[in-house]
Protein backbone atom coordinates (compact mmCIF):
# COMPACT_ATOMS: atom_id res chain seq x y z
CA MET A 1 8.30 22.68 -6.54
CA PRO A 2 5.86 20.57 -7.91
CA GLN A 3 3.21 18.85 -5.60
CA LEU A 4 4.07 15.47 -4.02
CA ILE A 5 2.71 12.56 -4.63
CA ILE A 6 1.32 9.92 -2.58
CA GLY A 7 0.22 6.88 -4.06
CA LEU A 8 -2.14 4.62 -2.43
CA LEU A 9 -3.54 0.94 -3.04
CA SER A 10 -4.80 -1.52 -1.06
CA GLY A 11 -4.07 -5.90 -1.17
CA SER A 12 -7.84 -6.49 -1.54
CA THR A 13 -9.87 -5.33 -4.28
CA ARG A 14 -13.27 -6.58 -2.80
CA SER A 15 -16.32 -3.23 -2.75
CA ALA A 16 -16.34 -3.68 0.89
CA SER A 17 -12.92 -3.99 1.74
CA MET A 18 -12.07 -2.90 5.01
CA ASN A 19 -8.30 -2.41 3.76
CA CYS A 20 -9.75 -0.40 1.09
CA LYS A 21 -11.59 2.32 3.70
CA LEU A 22 -8.20 2.48 4.67
CA VAL A 23 -6.76 3.73 1.85
CA ALA A 24 -9.42 5.96 1.71
CA ALA A 25 -8.83 7.58 4.98
CA MET A 26 -5.01 7.32 4.84
CA ALA A 27 -5.78 9.65 1.55
CA ASN A 28 -7.60 12.04 3.72
CA VAL A 29 -4.93 12.11 6.04
CA PHE A 30 -1.86 13.02 3.19
CA THR A 31 -4.36 15.41 1.56
CA ASN A 32 -5.10 17.25 4.72
CA ALA A 33 -1.03 17.06 5.02
CA GLY A 34 -0.96 19.07 1.46
CA VAL A 35 -0.02 16.47 -0.86
CA LYS A 36 -1.80 15.37 -3.86
CA ALA A 37 -3.31 11.29 -2.92
CA GLN A 38 -3.71 9.18 -5.76
CA ILE A 39 -5.62 6.02 -5.05
CA ILE A 40 -4.29 2.77 -7.41
CA ASP A 41 -7.14 0.22 -7.45
CA LEU A 42 -5.61 -2.67 -8.09
CA ASN A 43 -8.96 -3.84 -10.36
CA ASP A 44 -7.41 -1.55 -13.05
CA TYR A 45 -4.07 -3.30 -13.36
CA ASP A 46 -5.40 -7.30 -13.51
CA MET A 47 -2.24 -9.87 -14.25
CA PRO A 48 -2.78 -13.42 -14.31
CA LEU A 49 -1.46 -15.48 -11.41
CA TYR A 50 2.54 -15.62 -11.99
CA ASN A 51 3.81 -18.31 -13.53
CA GLY A 52 7.51 -18.55 -15.61
CA ASP A 53 6.11 -20.56 -18.58
CA TYR A 54 3.15 -17.73 -18.99
CA GLU A 55 5.79 -14.93 -18.85
CA ASP A 56 8.05 -16.86 -21.55
CA GLU A 57 4.74 -17.16 -23.94
CA HIS A 58 3.31 -13.85 -23.30
CA GLY A 59 5.73 -11.41 -21.60
CA VAL A 60 5.34 -9.48 -18.74
CA PRO A 61 1.34 -8.05 -19.02
CA ASP A 62 1.09 -4.56 -20.03
CA ALA A 63 -1.12 -3.91 -16.71
CA THR A 64 2.31 -4.57 -14.93
CA HIS A 65 4.38 -2.40 -17.11
CA ARG A 66 1.34 1.06 -16.41
CA LEU A 67 1.85 0.39 -12.75
CA ILE A 68 5.16 0.36 -12.31
CA LYS A 69 4.62 3.32 -14.34
CA THR A 70 2.25 4.52 -11.95
CA LEU A 71 4.35 3.82 -9.42
CA LEU A 72 7.32 5.41 -10.79
CA ALA A 73 5.25 8.53 -10.78
CA CYS A 74 4.90 8.79 -6.84
CA ASP A 75 7.06 10.29 -4.62
CA GLY A 76 5.84 7.58 -1.78
CA VAL A 77 3.28 4.21 -1.72
CA PHE A 78 1.48 3.38 1.13
CA ILE A 79 -0.22 0.11 1.02
CA ALA A 80 -3.05 -1.49 3.03
CA THR A 81 -2.44 -5.42 3.33
CA PRO A 82 -5.67 -7.68 4.51
CA GLU A 83 -4.50 -10.92 6.22
CA TYR A 84 -5.51 -14.22 5.40
CA ASN A 85 -4.93 -16.87 7.64
CA GLY A 86 -2.13 -14.97 9.06
CA CYS A 87 -0.75 -14.23 5.24
CA MET A 88 -0.50 -11.17 2.74
CA PRO A 89 -3.09 -11.58 0.28
CA PRO A 90 -2.01 -13.42 -2.90
CA LEU A 91 -3.59 -10.77 -5.00
CA LEU A 92 -0.57 -8.23 -3.09
CA LYS A 93 2.03 -11.17 -3.36
CA ASN A 94 1.20 -11.87 -7.03
CA THR A 95 1.35 -7.83 -8.21
CA ILE A 96 4.48 -7.27 -6.39
CA ASP A 97 5.93 -10.66 -7.83
CA TRP A 98 5.28 -10.00 -11.67
CA THR A 99 6.24 -6.06 -11.03
CA SER A 100 9.97 -7.22 -9.75
CA ARG A 101 9.93 -9.11 -13.22
CA VAL A 102 11.31 -6.05 -14.75
CA GLY A 103 13.15 -3.88 -12.55
CA LEU A 104 13.22 -2.76 -8.62
CA GLU A 105 13.32 0.82 -9.65
CA GLN A 106 9.37 1.26 -8.74
CA PHE A 107 10.44 -0.43 -4.64
CA ALA A 108 13.89 1.61 -4.67
CA ARG A 109 12.91 5.15 -5.70
CA PRO A 110 9.36 6.18 -3.64
CA VAL A 111 9.13 5.79 -0.25
CA TYR A 112 6.90 3.22 1.05
CA GLY A 113 4.55 3.27 4.45
CA ILE A 114 2.47 -0.14 4.82
CA GLY A 115 -0.58 -0.65 7.33
CA SER A 116 -3.82 -2.92 7.82
CA ALA A 117 -7.32 -3.10 8.88
CA SER A 118 -8.59 -5.85 10.40
CA PRO A 119 -11.55 -7.58 12.30
CA GLY A 120 -9.50 -8.73 14.85
CA PRO A 121 -7.41 -6.89 17.97
CA LEU A 122 -3.80 -8.19 16.39
CA SER A 123 -4.53 -5.48 13.41
CA GLY A 124 -3.22 -7.60 10.81
CA ILE A 125 0.19 -7.63 12.40
CA MET A 126 1.56 -10.83 10.49
CA ALA A 127 0.49 -9.96 7.35
CA LEU A 128 2.41 -6.37 8.08
CA ARG A 129 5.95 -8.46 9.08
CA GLN A 130 5.24 -10.36 5.37
CA LEU A 131 4.81 -7.48 3.35
CA HIS A 132 7.43 -5.58 5.31
CA PHE A 133 9.82 -8.80 4.76
CA ILE A 134 9.15 -8.66 0.88
CA LEU A 135 9.72 -4.89 -0.14
CA ALA A 136 12.50 -4.67 2.03
CA ARG A 137 14.08 -7.42 0.20
CA LEU A 138 13.32 -5.98 -2.94
CA GLY A 139 15.58 -2.43 -2.02
CA ALA A 140 12.36 -0.69 -0.34
CA HIS A 141 13.07 2.28 1.77
CA ILE A 142 9.83 1.64 4.51
CA VAL A 143 9.53 4.17 7.18
CA PRO A 144 9.01 2.83 10.85
CA THR A 145 5.95 3.93 11.85
CA GLN A 146 3.13 0.96 10.60
CA LEU A 147 -0.63 1.32 10.89
CA GLY A 148 -2.29 -1.31 12.48
CA VAL A 149 -5.96 -0.73 12.54
CA GLY A 150 -7.85 -3.62 14.77
CA SER A 151 -10.96 -3.91 15.29
CA TYR A 152 -12.33 -2.48 12.55
CA GLY A 153 -15.84 -2.33 13.15
CA GLN A 154 -15.41 0.53 15.34
CA ALA A 155 -12.35 1.76 13.99
CA PHE A 156 -13.71 4.40 11.07
CA ASP A 157 -16.58 6.96 11.46
CA GLU A 158 -19.72 7.02 9.37
CA ASP A 159 -18.12 9.32 6.75
CA GLY A 160 -14.74 6.80 6.53
CA GLN A 161 -12.40 8.90 8.59
CA PHE A 162 -10.25 7.19 11.39
CA ALA A 163 -12.63 7.18 13.52
CA ASP A 164 -10.55 7.40 17.26
CA GLU A 165 -7.43 10.16 17.84
CA ARG A 166 -5.00 7.08 19.04
CA THR A 167 -5.28 5.85 15.41
CA LEU A 168 -5.26 9.53 13.78
CA GLY A 169 -2.23 9.90 15.63
CA ARG A 170 -0.55 6.84 14.47
CA ALA A 171 -1.69 7.81 11.00
CA THR A 172 -0.23 11.30 11.30
CA LYS A 173 2.99 9.99 12.57
CA LEU A 174 3.67 7.66 9.20
CA ALA A 175 1.97 10.54 6.78
CA SER A 176 4.90 12.71 8.53
CA GLN A 177 7.36 10.10 8.36
CA MET A 178 6.87 9.09 4.64
CA LEU A 179 6.99 13.07 3.77
CA ASN A 180 10.13 14.12 5.87
CA THR A 181 11.73 10.91 4.28
CA ILE A 182 10.39 12.13 0.87
CA ASP A 183 11.30 16.00 1.99
CA ARG A 184 15.78 14.88 2.61
CA SER A 185 15.56 12.68 -0.16
């Protein structure tokens, strides 16, 4: 049986992004579960701001097709979303919008898990709600456990792993739900 692949992406491309750190910590959780963790860096998939006129004139960017191919090669996808002013970031929304222009298989086939890291105690809950809503509308199967990592300053240890057992337990539960759902499909 081939090894399962879980793609992990952050809705932020900032070098010091707390959600990139969340992706790295989740990659470790998946690796410890015996699956291949593949970090998907949105810096590698540059897409202009979605505009129908641009699409009519230039078509869908090559980066969009490459990203869809990457997503379809994954059995599951974990997305970490920042929260900007109570919303998911424009980079992530734009990425979803462009990929949905090609089709919806990249949402329907992999199993999805979502999370967010934020400096405050509410752990990106508003952005998680929006991301869940959009993914579900596009046909994604999203596992019920969501990983909200609040008070970011204390959330990770010096090695970039989850600093407390409660957060690690929730991360492990999310990973288990994804892997069990993949196993059943």
